[in-house]
């Protein structure tokens, strides 16, 4: 959507605050992932994906909102 078209619709770009990352859970995931990789055949393939939005909103910190409405 172009900014000009968004202006016609009364939309503007705003920053949407993202949730705070849980560092402990991230570290736990990395440890489990490393263990899994070490104990898996080198020919195995690992895939990661977003089941909800594989391409939409590649910059998750931005979104279209109606002017004057809270973020």
N, C-alpha and C. Protein backbone atom coordinates (compact mmCIF):
# COMPACT_ATOMS: atom_id res chain seq x y z
N UNK A 1 0.86 -1.16 0.00
CA UNK A 1 0.00 0.00 0.00
C UNK A 1 0.90 1.22 0.00
N UNK A 2 0.65 2.15 -0.91
CA UNK A 2 1.46 3.36 -0.98
C UNK A 2 1.00 4.35 0.09
N UNK A 3 1.89 5.23 0.46
CA UNK A 3 1.54 6.26 1.45
C UNK A 3 0.44 7.17 0.94
N UNK A 4 0.44 7.43 -0.38
CA UNK A 4 -0.60 8.30 -0.95
C UNK A 4 -1.97 7.65 -0.82
N UNK A 5 -2.06 6.36 -1.12
CA UNK A 5 -3.33 5.64 -1.02
C UNK A 5 -3.75 5.54 0.45
N UNK A 6 -2.78 5.31 1.33
CA UNK A 6 -3.09 5.25 2.77
C UNK A 6 -3.64 6.59 3.24
N UNK A 7 -3.10 7.68 2.71
CA UNK A 7 -3.58 9.01 3.09
C UNK A 7 -5.04 9.19 2.66
N UNK A 8 -5.37 8.69 1.47
CA UNK A 8 -6.76 8.77 0.99
C UNK A 8 -7.69 8.00 1.93
N UNK A 9 -7.21 6.87 2.44
CA UNK A 9 -8.01 6.04 3.34
C UNK A 9 -8.00 6.54 4.78
N UNK A 10 -7.20 7.56 5.05
CA UNK A 10 -7.10 8.07 6.41
C UNK A 10 -6.23 7.24 7.32
N UNK A 11 -5.24 6.57 6.73
CA UNK A 11 -4.33 5.74 7.51
C UNK A 11 -2.97 6.40 7.60
N UNK A 12 -2.22 6.03 8.62
CA UNK A 12 -0.85 6.51 8.75
C UNK A 12 0.02 5.37 9.26
N UNK A 13 1.33 5.52 9.10
CA UNK A 13 2.26 4.50 9.58
C UNK A 13 2.64 4.86 11.00
N UNK A 14 2.59 3.88 11.88
CA UNK A 14 2.99 4.10 13.26
C UNK A 14 3.83 2.95 13.76
N UNK A 15 4.61 3.20 14.76
CA UNK A 15 5.43 2.16 15.35
C UNK A 15 4.59 1.41 16.37
N UNK A 16 4.56 0.11 16.25
CA UNK A 16 3.83 -0.74 17.17
C UNK A 16 4.84 -1.33 18.15
N UNK A 17 4.70 -1.03 19.43
CA UNK A 17 5.68 -1.55 20.39
C UNK A 17 5.66 -3.08 20.42
N UNK A 18 6.83 -3.66 20.31
CA UNK A 18 6.94 -5.12 20.36
C UNK A 18 7.10 -5.57 21.80
N UNK A 19 6.70 -6.80 22.07
CA UNK A 19 6.86 -7.35 23.41
C UNK A 19 8.33 -7.53 23.74
N UNK A 20 8.62 -7.57 25.02
CA UNK A 20 10.00 -7.78 25.44
C UNK A 20 10.34 -9.25 25.29
N UNK A 21 11.52 -9.50 24.77
CA UNK A 21 11.98 -10.87 24.58
C UNK A 21 12.34 -11.49 25.93
N UNK A 22 12.04 -12.76 26.08
CA UNK A 22 12.39 -13.49 27.29
C UNK A 22 13.76 -14.13 27.05
N UNK A 23 14.79 -13.50 27.59
CA UNK A 23 16.17 -13.94 27.36
C UNK A 23 16.38 -15.37 27.84
N UNK A 24 15.81 -15.71 28.97
CA UNK A 24 15.98 -17.06 29.51
C UNK A 24 15.41 -18.12 28.55
N UNK A 25 14.24 -17.86 27.99
CA UNK A 25 13.64 -18.81 27.05
C UNK A 25 14.46 -18.89 25.76
N UNK A 26 15.02 -17.75 25.32
CA UNK A 26 15.86 -17.77 24.13
C UNK A 26 17.10 -18.62 24.36
N UNK A 27 17.74 -18.43 25.50
CA UNK A 27 18.95 -19.20 25.82
C UNK A 27 18.62 -20.70 25.93
N UNK A 28 17.45 -21.01 26.51
CA UNK A 28 17.02 -22.41 26.62
C UNK A 28 16.82 -23.02 25.23
N UNK A 29 16.19 -22.24 24.32
CA UNK A 29 15.99 -22.73 22.96
C UNK A 29 17.32 -22.98 22.27
N UNK A 30 18.25 -22.06 22.39
CA UNK A 30 19.55 -22.20 21.73
C UNK A 30 20.28 -23.45 22.25
N UNK A 31 20.22 -23.66 23.55
CA UNK A 31 20.88 -24.84 24.13
C UNK A 31 20.25 -26.13 23.59
N UNK A 32 18.90 -26.17 23.56
CA UNK A 32 18.22 -27.36 23.04
C UNK A 32 18.51 -27.56 21.56
N UNK A 33 18.54 -26.46 20.81
CA UNK A 33 18.81 -26.54 19.38
C UNK A 33 20.22 -27.05 19.11
N UNK A 34 21.19 -26.54 19.84
CA UNK A 34 22.57 -26.99 19.66
C UNK A 34 22.71 -28.48 19.98
N UNK A 35 22.04 -28.93 21.04
CA UNK A 35 22.08 -30.35 21.39
C UNK A 35 21.44 -31.18 20.28
N UNK A 36 20.32 -30.72 19.76
CA UNK A 36 19.65 -31.43 18.68
C UNK A 36 20.55 -31.52 17.45
N UNK A 37 21.21 -30.41 17.10
CA UNK A 37 22.10 -30.42 15.93
C UNK A 37 23.28 -31.36 16.13
N UNK A 38 23.82 -31.38 17.33
CA UNK A 38 24.98 -32.24 17.61
C UNK A 38 24.60 -33.72 17.53
N UNK A 39 23.35 -34.06 17.83
CA UNK A 39 22.91 -35.46 17.87
C UNK A 39 22.11 -35.86 16.64
N UNK A 40 22.24 -35.10 15.58
CA UNK A 40 21.49 -35.37 14.36
C UNK A 40 22.47 -35.61 13.22
N UNK A 41 22.09 -36.49 12.33
CA UNK A 41 22.92 -36.77 11.15
C UNK A 41 23.19 -35.48 10.39
N UNK A 42 24.41 -35.33 9.87
CA UNK A 42 24.79 -34.09 9.18
C UNK A 42 23.99 -33.85 7.90
N UNK A 43 23.34 -34.89 7.38
CA UNK A 43 22.54 -34.72 6.16
C UNK A 43 21.10 -34.29 6.45
N UNK A 44 20.73 -34.24 7.73
CA UNK A 44 19.38 -33.80 8.09
C UNK A 44 19.23 -32.31 7.83
N UNK A 45 18.02 -31.92 7.47
CA UNK A 45 17.73 -30.52 7.18
C UNK A 45 16.78 -29.99 8.24
N UNK A 46 17.05 -28.79 8.74
CA UNK A 46 16.18 -28.13 9.70
C UNK A 46 15.49 -26.96 9.02
N UNK A 47 14.20 -26.87 9.20
CA UNK A 47 13.43 -25.76 8.64
C UNK A 47 12.81 -24.96 9.77
N UNK A 48 12.80 -23.66 9.60
CA UNK A 48 12.14 -22.77 10.55
C UNK A 48 11.12 -21.95 9.77
N UNK A 49 9.98 -21.75 10.34
CA UNK A 49 8.97 -20.97 9.63
C UNK A 49 7.96 -20.35 10.57
N UNK A 50 7.30 -19.36 10.06
CA UNK A 50 6.21 -18.69 10.77
C UNK A 50 4.92 -19.22 10.16
N UNK A 51 4.17 -19.98 10.92
CA UNK A 51 2.96 -20.59 10.41
C UNK A 51 1.84 -19.60 10.13
N UNK A 52 1.97 -18.39 10.62
CA UNK A 52 0.88 -17.41 10.44
C UNK A 52 1.17 -16.39 9.35
N UNK A 53 2.37 -15.88 9.32
CA UNK A 53 2.69 -14.77 8.41
C UNK A 53 4.04 -14.98 7.75
N UNK A 54 4.13 -15.93 6.83
CA UNK A 54 5.44 -16.19 6.23
C UNK A 54 6.02 -15.03 5.41
N UNK A 55 5.16 -14.13 4.89
CA UNK A 55 5.69 -13.01 4.10
C UNK A 55 5.11 -11.67 4.53
N UNK A 56 3.93 -11.67 5.10
CA UNK A 56 3.26 -10.42 5.46
C UNK A 56 4.02 -9.70 6.58
N UNK A 57 4.13 -8.39 6.46
CA UNK A 57 4.77 -7.55 7.48
C UNK A 57 6.20 -8.00 7.78
N UNK A 58 7.05 -7.86 6.80
CA UNK A 58 8.45 -8.25 7.01
C UNK A 58 9.14 -7.35 8.03
N UNK A 59 8.57 -6.18 8.31
CA UNK A 59 9.04 -5.33 9.40
C UNK A 59 7.94 -5.30 10.47
N UNK A 60 7.98 -6.22 11.44
CA UNK A 60 6.87 -6.36 12.37
C UNK A 60 6.67 -5.18 13.32
N UNK A 61 7.56 -4.21 13.30
CA UNK A 61 7.42 -3.07 14.20
C UNK A 61 6.53 -1.97 13.62
N UNK A 62 6.04 -2.14 12.39
CA UNK A 62 5.24 -1.11 11.75
C UNK A 62 3.90 -1.67 11.30
N UNK A 63 2.90 -0.81 11.24
CA UNK A 63 1.61 -1.25 10.76
C UNK A 63 0.73 -0.06 10.43
N UNK A 64 -0.33 -0.30 9.68
CA UNK A 64 -1.26 0.77 9.31
C UNK A 64 -2.33 0.89 10.38
N UNK A 65 -2.54 2.11 10.84
CA UNK A 65 -3.57 2.38 11.83
C UNK A 65 -4.34 3.62 11.42
N UNK A 66 -5.58 3.74 11.87
CA UNK A 66 -6.37 4.93 11.58
C UNK A 66 -5.81 6.12 12.35
N UNK A 67 -5.77 7.26 11.70
CA UNK A 67 -5.29 8.47 12.36
C UNK A 67 -6.13 8.77 13.58
N UNK A 68 -5.46 9.20 14.62
CA UNK A 68 -6.16 9.58 15.84
C UNK A 68 -6.48 8.43 16.77
N UNK A 69 -6.25 7.20 16.34
CA UNK A 69 -6.52 6.05 17.19
C UNK A 69 -5.25 5.65 17.93
N UNK A 70 -5.42 5.11 19.13
CA UNK A 70 -4.28 4.68 19.93
C UNK A 70 -3.50 3.57 19.28
N UNK A 71 -2.29 3.44 19.66
CA UNK A 71 -1.42 2.41 19.09
C UNK A 71 -1.35 1.22 20.00
